[in-house]
Amino acid sequence: MNKTKNYAFIDGNNLYLGAKSQGIKVDYRKLRLYLTHKFNVAKAFIFIGYDPDRTSLYVALQNAGFLLVQKPTIKYYENGKRR
């Protein structure tokens, strides 16, 4: 039987905030393996904002097998402090 290869498109912010609201820390490597084995996902794209201070996160996501789609983020300041 020929299994169809699937693609996954993940909104990184929704994943992070949803897991955080439930008190869960996402293990991206396990998530990628789960997507591969359960849903036969050949490519998993994660859409995430780009912040030069978070390069270690981007490297970890790529090492876990995700393809990153990044957009520049806008930093908002309130009373001179970053939110």
PDB file of N, CA and C in Angstrom:
ATOM      1  N   MET A   1       0.839  -1.172   0.000  1.00  0.00           N
ATOM      2  CA  MET A   1       0.000   0.000   0.000  1.00  0.00           C
ATOM      3  C   MET A   1       0.889   1.243   0.000  1.00  0.00           C
ATOM      4  N   ASN A   2       0.597   2.183  -0.872  1.00  0.00           N
ATOM      5  CA  ASN A   2       1.361   3.422  -0.978  1.00  0.00           C
ATOM      6  C   ASN A   2       0.736   4.493  -0.099  1.00  0.00           C
ATOM      7  N   LYS A   3       1.435   4.882   0.941  1.00  0.00           N
ATOM      8  CA  LYS A   3       0.922   5.915   1.835  1.00  0.00           C
ATOM      9  C   LYS A   3       1.139   7.288   1.225  1.00  0.00           C
ATOM     10  N   THR A   4       0.145   8.142   1.347  1.00  0.00           N
ATOM     11  CA  THR A   4       0.254   9.509   0.880  1.00  0.00           C
ATOM     12  C   THR A   4       1.135  10.291   1.835  1.00  0.00           C
ATOM     13  N   LYS A   5       2.048  11.078   1.284  1.00  0.00           N
ATOM     14  CA  LYS A   5       2.866  11.942   2.117  1.00  0.00           C
ATOM     15  C   LYS A   5       2.097  13.232   2.373  1.00  0.00           C
ATOM     16  N   ASN A   6       2.116  13.660   3.609  1.00  0.00           N
ATOM     17  CA  ASN A   6       1.391  14.859   4.015  1.00  0.00           C
ATOM     18  C   ASN A   6       2.359  15.959   4.416  1.00  0.00           C
ATOM     19  N   TYR A   7       1.861  17.168   4.388  1.00  0.00           N
ATOM     20  CA  TYR A   7       2.603  18.329   4.881  1.00  0.00           C
ATOM     21  C   TYR A   7       1.849  18.890   6.081  1.00  0.00           C
ATOM     22  N   ALA A   8       2.597  19.406   7.055  1.00  0.00           N
ATOM     23  CA  ALA A   8       1.998  20.062   8.220  1.00  0.00           C
ATOM     24  C   ALA A   8       2.386  21.532   8.193  1.00  0.00           C
ATOM     25  N   PHE A   9       1.422  22.391   8.479  1.00  0.00           N
ATOM     26  CA  PHE A   9       1.637  23.832   8.541  1.00  0.00           C
ATOM     27  C   PHE A   9       1.230  24.289   9.935  1.00  0.00           C
ATOM     28  N   ILE A  10       2.201  24.727  10.720  1.00  0.00           N
ATOM     29  CA  ILE A  10       1.982  25.015  12.135  1.00  0.00           C
ATOM     30  C   ILE A  10       2.237  26.486  12.416  1.00  0.00           C
ATOM     31  N   ASP A  11       1.299  27.117  13.105  1.00  0.00           N
ATOM     32  CA  ASP A  11       1.476  28.489  13.566  1.00  0.00           C
ATOM     33  C   ASP A  11       2.221  28.398  14.903  1.00  0.00           C
ATOM     34  N   GLY A  12       3.473  28.805  14.901  1.00  0.00           N
ATOM     35  CA  GLY A  12       4.319  28.668  16.080  1.00  0.00           C
ATOM     36  C   GLY A  12       3.795  29.403  17.299  1.00  0.00           C
ATOM     37  N   ASN A  13       3.227  30.591  17.105  1.00  0.00           N
ATOM     38  CA  ASN A  13       2.722  31.373  18.232  1.00  0.00           C
ATOM     39  C   ASN A  13       1.506  30.696  18.866  1.00  0.00           C
ATOM     40  N   ASN A  14       0.590  30.197  18.039  1.00  0.00           N
ATOM     41  CA  ASN A  14      -0.573  29.494  18.585  1.00  0.00           C
ATOM     42  C   ASN A  14      -0.166  28.222  19.316  1.00  0.00           C
ATOM     43  N   LEU A  15       0.784  27.494  18.771  1.00  0.00           N
ATOM     44  CA  LEU A  15       1.268  26.278  19.430  1.00  0.00           C
ATOM     45  C   LEU A  15       1.876  26.616  20.786  1.00  0.00           C
ATOM     46  N   TYR A  16       2.750  27.620  20.799  1.00  0.00           N
ATOM     47  CA  TYR A  16       3.430  28.000  22.042  1.00  0.00           C
ATOM     48  C   TYR A  16       2.439  28.497  23.092  1.00  0.00           C
ATOM     49  N   LEU A  17       1.571  29.429  22.717  1.00  0.00           N
ATOM     50  CA  LEU A  17       0.638  30.002  23.695  1.00  0.00           C
ATOM     51  C   LEU A  17      -0.408  28.990  24.150  1.00  0.00           C
ATOM     52  N   GLY A  18      -0.857  28.125  23.245  1.00  0.00           N
ATOM     53  CA  GLY A  18      -1.809  27.085  23.630  1.00  0.00           C
ATOM     54  C   GLY A  18      -1.209  26.102  24.622  1.00  0.00           C
ATOM     55  N   ALA A  19       0.011  25.680  24.362  1.00  0.00           N
ATOM     56  CA  ALA A  19       0.689  24.761  25.281  1.00  0.00           C
ATOM     57  C   ALA A  19       0.967  25.441  26.620  1.00  0.00           C
ATOM     58  N   LYS A  20       1.400  26.696  26.560  1.00  0.00           N
ATOM     59  CA  LYS A  20       1.703  27.444  27.790  1.00  0.00           C
ATOM     60  C   LYS A  20       0.456  27.602  28.662  1.00  0.00           C
ATOM     61  N   SER A  21      -0.695  27.853  28.037  1.00  0.00           N
ATOM     62  CA  SER A  21      -1.936  28.020  28.809  1.00  0.00           C
ATOM     63  C   SER A  21      -2.353  26.727  29.509  1.00  0.00           C
ATOM     64  N   GLN A  22      -1.879  25.599  28.994  1.00  0.00           N
ATOM     65  CA  GLN A  22      -2.189  24.297  29.597  1.00  0.00           C
ATOM     66  C   GLN A  22      -1.071  23.804  30.519  1.00  0.00           C
ATOM     67  N   GLY A  23      -0.029  24.621  30.666  1.00  0.00           N
ATOM     68  CA  GLY A  23       1.090  24.237  31.522  1.00  0.00           C
ATOM     69  C   GLY A  23       1.987  23.191  30.890  1.00  0.00           C
ATOM     70  N   ILE A  24       2.040  23.153  29.564  1.00  0.00           N
ATOM     71  CA  ILE A  24       2.824  22.154  28.833  1.00  0.00           C
ATOM     72  C   ILE A  24       4.014  22.830  28.176  1.00  0.00           C
ATOM     73  N   LYS A  25       5.167  22.177  28.238  1.00  0.00           N
ATOM     74  CA  LYS A  25       6.343  22.639  27.497  1.00  0.00           C
ATOM     75  C   LYS A  25       6.483  21.723  26.291  1.00  0.00           C
ATOM     76  N   VAL A  26       6.495  22.304  25.105  1.00  0.00           N
ATOM     77  CA  VAL A  26       6.521  21.522  23.869  1.00  0.00           C
ATOM     78  C   VAL A  26       7.919  20.953  23.629  1.00  0.00           C
ATOM     79  N   ASP A  27       7.987  19.650  23.407  1.00  0.00           N
ATOM     80  CA  ASP A  27       9.214  18.994  22.976  1.00  0.00           C
ATOM     81  C   ASP A  27       9.101  18.872  21.459  1.00  0.00           C
ATOM     82  N   TYR A  28       9.768  19.767  20.742  1.00  0.00           N
ATOM     83  CA  TYR A  28       9.605  19.856  19.302  1.00  0.00           C
ATOM     84  C   TYR A  28      10.108  18.616  18.568  1.00  0.00           C
ATOM     85  N   ARG A  29      11.124  17.979  19.069  1.00  0.00           N
ATOM     86  CA  ARG A  29      11.626  16.754  18.432  1.00  0.00           C
ATOM     87  C   ARG A  29      10.566  15.645  18.519  1.00  0.00           C
ATOM     88  N   LYS A  30       9.951  15.498  19.697  1.00  0.00           N
ATOM     89  CA  LYS A  30       8.904  14.485  19.855  1.00  0.00           C
ATOM     90  C   LYS A  30       7.676  14.830  19.006  1.00  0.00           C
ATOM     91  N   LEU A  31       7.355  16.108  18.922  1.00  0.00           N
ATOM     92  CA  LEU A  31       6.232  16.526  18.093  1.00  0.00           C
ATOM     93  C   LEU A  31       6.487  16.172  16.639  1.00  0.00           C
ATOM     94  N   ARG A  32       7.702  16.431  16.174  1.00  0.00           N
ATOM     95  CA  ARG A  32       8.035  16.134  14.775  1.00  0.00           C
ATOM     96  C   ARG A  32       7.966  14.632  14.505  1.00  0.00           C
ATOM     97  N   LEU A  33       8.472  13.825  15.425  1.00  0.00           N
ATOM     98  CA  LEU A  33       8.390  12.366  15.271  1.00  0.00           C
ATOM     99  C   LEU A  33       6.942  11.886  15.280  1.00  0.00           C
ATOM    100  N   TYR A  34       6.134  12.468  16.148  1.00  0.00           N
ATOM    101  CA  TYR A  34       4.713  12.118  16.214  1.00  0.00           C
ATOM    102  C   TYR A  34       4.026  12.416  14.883  1.00  0.00           C
ATOM    103  N   LEU A  35       4.291  13.588  14.334  1.00  0.00           N
ATOM    104  CA  LEU A  35       3.687  13.956  13.050  1.00  0.00           C
ATOM    105  C   LEU A  35       4.110  12.991  11.942  1.00  0.00           C
ATOM    106  N   THR A  36       5.366  12.586  11.975  1.00  0.00           N
ATOM    107  CA  THR A  36       5.875  11.657  10.971  1.00  0.00           C
ATOM    108  C   THR A  36       5.213  10.291  11.083  1.00  0.00           C
ATOM    109  N   HIS A  37       5.181   9.737  12.278  1.00  0.00           N
ATOM    110  CA  HIS A  37       4.686   8.373  12.464  1.00  0.00           C
ATOM    111  C   HIS A  37       3.161   8.284  12.441  1.00  0.00           C
ATOM    112  N   LYS A  38       2.491   9.243  13.030  1.00  0.00           N
ATOM    113  CA  LYS A  38       1.029   9.183  13.124  1.00  0.00           C
ATOM    114  C   LYS A  38       0.346   9.635  11.834  1.00  0.00           C
ATOM    115  N   PHE A  39       0.873  10.699  11.203  1.00  0.00           N
ATOM    116  CA  PHE A  39       0.189  11.290  10.055  1.00  0.00           C
ATOM    117  C   PHE A  39       1.002  11.241   8.767  1.00  0.00           C
ATOM    118  N   ASN A  40       2.142  10.548   8.795  1.00  0.00           N
ATOM    119  CA  ASN A  40       3.003  10.410   7.626  1.00  0.00           C
ATOM    120  C   ASN A  40       3.379  11.771   7.028  1.00  0.00           C
ATOM    121  N   VAL A  41       3.745  12.706   7.905  1.00  0.00           N
ATOM    122  CA  VAL A  41       4.113  14.059   7.486  1.00  0.00           C
ATOM    123  C   VAL A  41       5.541  14.045   6.951  1.00  0.00           C
ATOM    124  N   ALA A  42       5.679  14.381   5.675  1.00  0.00           N
ATOM    125  CA  ALA A  42       6.990  14.420   5.037  1.00  0.00           C
ATOM    126  C   ALA A  42       7.703  15.737   5.331  1.00  0.00           C
ATOM    127  N   LYS A  43       6.962  16.832   5.323  1.00  0.00           N
ATOM    128  CA  LYS A  43       7.532  18.148   5.612  1.00  0.00           C
ATOM    129  C   LYS A  43       6.634  18.868   6.602  1.00  0.00           C
ATOM    130  N   ALA A  44       7.253  19.444   7.627  1.00  0.00           N
ATOM    131  CA  ALA A  44       6.513  20.192   8.640  1.00  0.00           C
ATOM    132  C   ALA A  44       7.044  21.626   8.655  1.00  0.00           C
ATOM    133  N   PHE A  45       6.184  22.531   8.250  1.00  0.00           N
ATOM    134  CA  PHE A  45       6.533  23.950   8.226  1.00  0.00           C
ATOM    135  C   PHE A  45       6.032  24.595   9.499  1.00  0.00           C
ATOM    136  N   ILE A  46       6.860  25.408  10.111  1.00  0.00           N
ATOM    137  CA  ILE A  46       6.429  26.149  11.296  1.00  0.00           C
ATOM    138  C   ILE A  46       6.615  27.636  10.999  1.00  0.00           C
ATOM    139  N   PHE A  47       5.531  28.372  11.137  1.00  0.00           N
ATOM    140  CA  PHE A  47       5.521  29.806  10.875  1.00  0.00           C
ATOM    141  C   PHE A  47       5.782  30.515  12.192  1.00  0.00           C
ATOM    142  N   ILE A  48       6.828  31.331  12.209  1.00  0.00           N
ATOM    143  CA  ILE A  48       7.284  31.928  13.462  1.00  0.00           C
ATOM    144  C   ILE A  48       7.885  33.297  13.180  1.00  0.00           C
ATOM    145  N   GLY A  49       7.716  34.200  14.111  1.00  0.00           N
ATOM    146  CA  GLY A  49       8.315  35.525  13.973  1.00  0.00           C
ATOM    147  C   GLY A  49       9.819  35.463  14.172  1.00  0.00           C
ATOM    148  N   TYR A  50      10.526  36.357  13.509  1.00  0.00           N
ATOM    149  CA  TYR A  50      11.982  36.384  13.629  1.00  0.00           C
ATOM    150  C   TYR A  50      12.409  37.435  14.636  1.00  0.00           C
ATOM    151  N   ASP A  51      13.202  37.013  15.596  1.00  0.00           N
ATOM    152  CA  ASP A  51      13.809  37.897  16.590  1.00  0.00           C
ATOM    153  C   ASP A  51      15.274  37.474  16.683  1.00  0.00           C
ATOM    154  N   PRO A  52      16.222  38.376  16.406  1.00  0.00           N
ATOM    155  CA  PRO A  52      17.639  37.986  16.410  1.00  0.00           C
ATOM    156  C   PRO A  52      18.125  37.449  17.760  1.00  0.00           C
ATOM    157  N   ASP A  53      17.385  37.696  18.827  1.00  0.00           N
ATOM    158  CA  ASP A  53      17.776  37.194  20.149  1.00  0.00           C
ATOM    159  C   ASP A  53      17.358  35.738  20.371  1.00  0.00           C
ATOM    160  N   ARG A  54      16.622  35.134  19.439  1.00  0.00           N
ATOM    161  CA  ARG A  54      16.093  33.780  19.626  1.00  0.00           C
ATOM    162  C   ARG A  54      16.701  32.765  18.662  1.00  0.00           C
ATOM    163  N   THR A  55      17.930  33.003  18.222  1.00  0.00           N
ATOM    164  CA  THR A  55      18.542  32.113  17.224  1.00  0.00           C
ATOM    165  C   THR A  55      18.674  30.672  17.719  1.00  0.00           C
ATOM    166  N   SER A  56      18.886  30.482  19.008  1.00  0.00           N
ATOM    167  CA  SER A  56      19.012  29.110  19.522  1.00  0.00           C
ATOM    168  C   SER A  56      17.699  28.344  19.358  1.00  0.00           C
ATOM    169  N   LEU A  57      16.570  29.027  19.487  1.00  0.00           N
ATOM    170  CA  LEU A  57      15.272  28.383  19.256  1.00  0.00           C
ATOM    171  C   LEU A  57      15.147  27.958  17.799  1.00  0.00           C
ATOM    172  N   TYR A  58      15.557  28.808  16.883  1.00  0.00           N
ATOM    173  CA  TYR A  58      15.445  28.503  15.461  1.00  0.00           C
ATOM    174  C   TYR A  58      16.335  27.317  15.081  1.00  0.00           C
ATOM    175  N   VAL A  59      17.513  27.262  15.652  1.00  0.00           N
ATOM    176  CA  VAL A  59      18.417  26.141  15.395  1.00  0.00           C
ATOM    177  C   VAL A  59      17.811  24.845  15.943  1.00  0.00           C
ATOM    178  N   ALA A  60      17.232  24.916  17.146  1.00  0.00           N
ATOM    179  CA  ALA A  60      16.619  23.733  17.750  1.00  0.00           C
ATOM    180  C   ALA A  60      15.438  23.235  16.910  1.00  0.00           C
ATOM    181  N   LEU A  61      14.632  24.154  16.393  1.00  0.00           N
ATOM    182  CA  LEU A  61      13.503  23.760  15.552  1.00  0.00           C
ATOM    183  C   LEU A  61      13.981  23.092  14.267  1.00  0.00           C
ATOM    184  N   GLN A  62      15.015  23.648  13.658  1.00  0.00           N
ATOM    185  CA  GLN A  62      15.556  23.044  12.443  1.00  0.00           C
ATOM    186  C   GLN A  62      16.170  21.684  12.730  1.00  0.00           C
ATOM    187  N   ASN A  63      16.866  21.553  13.848  1.00  0.00           N
ATOM    188  CA  ASN A  63      17.456  20.262  14.225  1.00  0.00           C
ATOM    189  C   ASN A  63      16.383  19.211  14.512  1.00  0.00           C
ATOM    190  N   ALA A  64      15.203  19.672  14.949  1.00  0.00           N
ATOM    191  CA  ALA A  64      14.095  18.755  15.210  1.00  0.00           C
ATOM    192  C   ALA A  64      13.413  18.316  13.917  1.00  0.00           C
ATOM    193  N   GLY A  65      13.724  18.984  12.800  1.00  0.00           N
ATOM    194  CA  GLY A  65      13.173  18.574  11.520  1.00  0.00           C
ATOM    195  C   GLY A  65      12.124  19.499  10.941  1.00  0.00           C
ATOM    196  N   PHE A  66      11.941  20.665  11.530  1.00  0.00           N
ATOM    197  CA  PHE A  66      10.967  21.619  11.017  1.00  0.00           C
ATOM    198  C   PHE A  66      11.610  22.528   9.981  1.00  0.00           C
ATOM    199  N   LEU A  67      10.815  22.950   9.021  1.00  0.00           N
ATOM    200  CA  LEU A  67      11.224  23.957   8.051  1.00  0.00           C
ATOM    201  C   LEU A  67      10.637  25.281   8.527  1.00  0.00           C
ATOM    202  N   LEU A  68      11.490  26.276   8.730  1.00  0.00           N
ATOM    203  CA  LEU A  68      11.037  27.545   9.292  1.00  0.00           C
ATOM    204  C   LEU A  68      10.589  28.503   8.207  1.00  0.00           C
ATOM    205  N   VAL A  69       9.479  29.162   8.478  1.00  0.00           N
ATOM    206  CA  VAL A  69       8.999  30.264   7.660  1.00  0.00           C
ATOM    207  C   VAL A  69       8.918  31.441   8.622  1.00  0.00           C
ATOM    208  N   GLN A  70       9.797  32.426   8.423  1.00  0.00           N
ATOM    209  CA  GLN A  70       9.914  33.512   9.386  1.00  0.00           C
ATOM    210  C   GLN A  70       9.506  34.846   8.792  1.00  0.00           C
ATOM    211  N   LYS A  71       8.937  35.677   9.665  1.00  0.00           N
ATOM    212  CA  LYS A  71       8.613  37.058   9.333  1.00  0.00           C
ATOM    213  C   LYS A  71       9.224  37.933  10.412  1.00  0.00           C
ATOM    214  N   PRO A  72       9.652  39.133  10.050  1.00  0.00           N
ATOM    215  CA  PRO A  72      10.189  40.040  11.072  1.00  0.00           C
ATOM    216  C   PRO A  72       9.106  40.395  12.089  1.00  0.00           C
ATOM    217  N   THR A  73       9.509  40.518  13.314  1.00  0.00           N
ATOM    218  CA  THR A  73       8.573  40.919  14.361  1.00  0.00           C
ATOM    219  C   THR A  73       8.681  42.417  14.600  1.00  0.00           C
ATOM    220  N   ILE A  74       7.627  42.970  15.140  1.00  0.00           N
ATOM    221  CA  ILE A  74       7.603  44.384  15.503  1.00  0.00           C
ATOM    222  C   ILE A  74       7.636  44.458  17.019  1.00  0.00           C
ATOM    223  N   LYS A  75       8.585  45.172  17.550  1.00  0.00           N
ATOM    224  CA  LYS A  75       8.698  45.302  19.001  1.00  0.00           C
ATOM    225  C   LYS A  75       7.901  46.522  19.452  1.00  0.00           C
ATOM    226  N   TYR A  76       7.016  46.277  20.392  1.00  0.00           N
ATOM    227  CA  TYR A  76       6.203  47.352  20.934  1.00  0.00           C
ATOM    228  C   TYR A  76       6.766  47.791  22.273  1.00  0.00           C
ATOM    229  N   TYR A  77       6.782  49.069  22.490  1.00  0.00           N
ATOM    230  CA  TYR A  77       7.292  49.629  23.735  1.00  0.00           C
ATOM    231  C   TYR A  77       6.183  50.406  24.427  1.00  0.00           C
ATOM    232  N   GLU A  78       6.076  50.201  25.721  1.00  0.00           N
ATOM    233  CA  GLU A  78       5.106  50.917  26.526  1.00  0.00           C
ATOM    234  C   GLU A  78       5.851  51.578  27.666  1.00  0.00           C
ATOM    235  N   ASN A  79       5.765  52.876  27.745  1.00  0.00           N
ATOM    236  CA  ASN A  79       6.486  53.641  28.770  1.00  0.00           C
ATOM    237  C   ASN A  79       7.971  53.374  28.743  1.00  0.00           C
ATOM    238  N   GLY A  80       8.514  53.201  27.544  1.00  0.00           N
ATOM    239  CA  GLY A  80       9.946  52.978  27.388  1.00  0.00           C
ATOM    240  C   GLY A  80      10.389  51.563  27.672  1.00  0.00           C
ATOM    241  N   LYS A  81       9.456  50.655  28.003  1.00  0.00           N
ATOM    242  CA  LYS A  81       9.804  49.269  28.306  1.00  0.00           C
ATOM    243  C   LYS A  81       9.210  48.336  27.255  1.00  0.00           C
ATOM    244  N   ARG A  82       9.997  47.353  26.883  1.00  0.00           N
ATOM    245  CA  ARG A  82       9.532  46.369  25.906  1.00  0.00           C
ATOM    246  C   ARG A  82       8.494  45.451  26.536  1.00  0.00           C
ATOM    247  N   ARG A  83       7.412  45.211  25.798  1.00  0.00           N
ATOM    248  CA  ARG A  83       6.390  44.299  26.294  1.00  0.00           C
ATOM    249  C   ARG A  83       6.641  42.927  25.763  1.00  0.00           C
TER     250      ARG A  83
END
